[in-house]
Amino acid sequence: MMPGGNWTWTDGTPLDFTDWDKGEPKNIKGNNCADQIINSGFWRSDDCYKTKPYICKVDKTFFDSPPQTTKYPIFANCPFPFIYFQPTHSCYGDGNFTGPLSWTLGEEHCQAFGAHLTSIHSPEEIAFLTCR
């Protein structure tokens, strides 16, 4: 997630859901990225250069070969280590996880898999990601 007057997702999807912690986002110089607080699940603004764990998200159709007649099957086999989440029709994973990375390097790593850092659009998506 990136600010620019308004916060936006790196994958270009609209910011149609937020789960900021109380007092967030803080408009402090250098806090231009966001992360999730593990204990509470709420979001906070943070320094983009801090290394953090991350999750990549890619539309399931990226892995379809050949194209299927049903665009989004109820069950989909996402390649390891990606896991399918039916409500978003997406696969979530960390690629070949290298350990915590900065926001920029995490996004670059996700893009190598045709993905982006995860954008979150519902409480159900947060619950799915939190239980991983």
Protein backbone atom coordinates (compact mmCIF):
# COMPACT_ATOMS: atom_id res chain seq x y z
CA MET A 1 0.00 0.00 0.00
CA MET A 2 1.38 3.39 -0.92
CA PRO A 3 0.33 6.92 0.03
CA GLY A 4 0.25 9.76 -2.40
CA GLY A 5 -2.26 12.10 -0.87
CA ASN A 6 -4.41 8.98 -0.74
CA TRP A 7 -3.35 5.45 0.09
CA THR A 8 -3.36 3.04 -2.86
CA TRP A 9 -2.61 -0.64 -3.47
CA THR A 10 0.42 -1.57 -5.57
CA ASP A 11 -1.71 -3.82 -7.79
CA GLY A 12 -3.91 -0.89 -8.83
CA THR A 13 -7.09 -2.17 -7.14
CA PRO A 14 -9.21 0.42 -5.32
CA LEU A 15 -8.79 0.99 -1.60
CA ASP A 16 -12.35 -0.10 -0.83
CA PHE A 17 -11.65 -1.49 2.65
CA THR A 18 -9.42 -0.29 5.49
CA ASP A 19 -8.59 -1.67 8.91
CA TRP A 20 -6.32 1.01 10.40
CA ASP A 21 -5.35 0.81 14.07
CA LYS A 22 -6.50 3.67 16.29
CA GLY A 23 -4.57 6.84 15.42
CA GLU A 24 -3.41 5.46 12.06
CA PRO A 25 -2.28 6.20 9.49
CA LYS A 26 0.27 8.53 10.99
CA ASN A 27 1.49 11.14 8.56
CA ILE A 28 5.09 11.01 9.75
CA LYS A 29 7.91 11.61 7.30
CA GLY A 30 9.21 8.24 6.14
CA ASN A 31 6.07 6.27 7.06
CA ASN A 32 4.98 5.85 3.47
CA CYS A 33 4.07 2.16 3.60
CA ALA A 34 1.63 0.12 5.63
CA ASP A 35 1.82 -3.19 7.43
CA GLN A 36 -0.40 -5.35 9.58
CA ILE A 37 0.14 -5.59 13.32
CA ILE A 38 0.36 -9.34 13.97
CA ASN A 39 -1.26 -9.33 17.44
CA SER A 40 -4.32 -7.23 16.58
CA GLY A 41 -4.60 -7.59 12.81
CA PHE A 42 -4.97 -3.82 12.41
CA TRP A 43 -2.91 -1.78 9.97
CA ARG A 44 -0.35 0.92 10.66
CA SER A 45 1.80 3.20 8.58
CA ASP A 46 5.47 2.32 8.74
CA ASP A 47 8.89 2.89 7.23
CA CYS A 48 9.18 1.31 3.77
CA TYR A 49 12.80 0.33 4.38
CA LYS A 50 12.15 -1.86 7.43
CA THR A 51 12.31 -5.55 6.61
CA LYS A 52 9.06 -7.41 7.23
CA PRO A 53 7.47 -10.74 6.36
CA TYR A 54 5.17 -10.43 3.35
CA ILE A 55 2.58 -12.30 1.30
CA CYS A 56 2.18 -12.14 -2.47
CA LYS A 57 -1.23 -12.24 -4.15
CA VAL A 58 -1.88 -13.25 -7.75
CA ASP A 59 -5.13 -13.88 -9.61
CA LYS A 60 -5.64 -17.63 -9.92
CA THR A 61 -5.96 -17.38 -13.71
CA PHE A 62 -2.24 -16.54 -13.85
CA PHE A 63 -1.55 -20.23 -13.13
CA ASP A 64 -4.20 -21.64 -15.49
CA SER A 65 -2.69 -23.46 -18.43
CA PRO A 66 -4.40 -24.11 -20.77
CA PRO A 67 -7.30 -21.68 -20.19
CA GLN A 68 -10.24 -23.34 -18.46
CA THR A 69 -13.86 -23.09 -19.54
CA THR A 70 -14.84 -22.14 -15.98
CA LYS A 71 -13.07 -18.90 -15.16
CA TYR A 72 -12.99 -19.44 -11.38
CA PRO A 73 -13.45 -23.02 -10.19
CA ILE A 74 -14.70 -23.63 -6.67
CA PHE A 75 -11.43 -25.44 -5.92
CA ALA A 76 -8.23 -24.45 -7.61
CA ASN A 77 -4.78 -25.93 -7.40
CA CYS A 78 -2.39 -23.07 -6.92
CA PRO A 79 1.23 -24.17 -7.19
CA PHE A 80 3.19 -24.57 -3.96
CA PRO A 81 3.63 -22.47 -1.86
CA PHE A 82 0.54 -20.53 -3.00
CA ILE A 83 -2.87 -21.22 -1.39
CA TYR A 84 -6.21 -20.56 -3.11
CA PHE A 85 -8.87 -18.34 -1.49
CA GLN A 86 -12.17 -18.75 -3.35
CA PRO A 87 -13.89 -15.45 -2.37
CA THR A 88 -11.14 -13.45 -4.12
CA HIS A 89 -10.32 -16.04 -6.81
CA SER A 90 -6.67 -15.49 -5.92
CA CYS A 91 -3.62 -17.44 -4.84
CA TYR A 92 -1.63 -16.22 -1.84
CA GLY A 93 1.92 -17.18 -1.02
CA ASP A 94 5.43 -16.04 -0.48
CA GLY A 95 7.02 -17.43 -3.62
CA ASN A 96 10.30 -19.00 -2.59
CA PHE A 97 10.30 -17.13 0.69
CA THR A 98 13.60 -15.44 1.30
CA GLY A 99 12.84 -14.09 4.75
CA PRO A 100 11.74 -10.56 5.63
CA LEU A 101 12.35 -7.95 2.93
CA SER A 102 11.84 -4.21 2.63
CA TRP A 103 8.57 -3.09 1.05
CA THR A 104 10.26 -2.37 -2.29
CA LEU A 105 12.16 -5.66 -2.42
CA GLY A 106 9.06 -7.59 -1.31
CA GLU A 107 7.06 -6.05 -4.17
CA GLU A 108 9.85 -6.87 -6.64
CA HIS A 109 9.95 -10.46 -5.36
CA CYS A 110 6.17 -10.79 -5.78
CA GLN A 111 6.32 -9.36 -9.30
CA ALA A 112 8.78 -12.10 -10.25
CA PHE A 113 5.83 -14.49 -9.74
CA GLY A 114 3.38 -12.27 -11.63
CA ALA A 115 2.00 -11.10 -8.28
CA HIS A 116 1.94 -8.03 -6.04
CA LEU A 117 2.11 -7.51 -2.32
CA THR A 118 -1.30 -8.49 -0.99
CA SER A 119 -4.13 -5.98 -1.25
CA ILE A 120 -6.90 -6.54 1.28
CA HIS A 121 -10.55 -5.88 0.50
CA SER A 122 -12.57 -7.51 3.30
CA PRO A 123 -12.51 -8.77 6.88
CA GLU A 124 -12.75 -12.33 5.47
CA GLU A 125 -9.54 -11.82 3.53
CA ILE A 126 -7.79 -10.61 6.70
CA ALA A 127 -9.05 -13.68 8.58
CA PHE A 128 -7.78 -15.99 5.82
CA LEU A 129 -4.35 -14.36 5.79
CA THR A 130 -4.08 -14.26 9.57
CA CYS A 131 -4.76 -17.99 9.95
CA ARG A 132 -2.04 -18.95 7.44
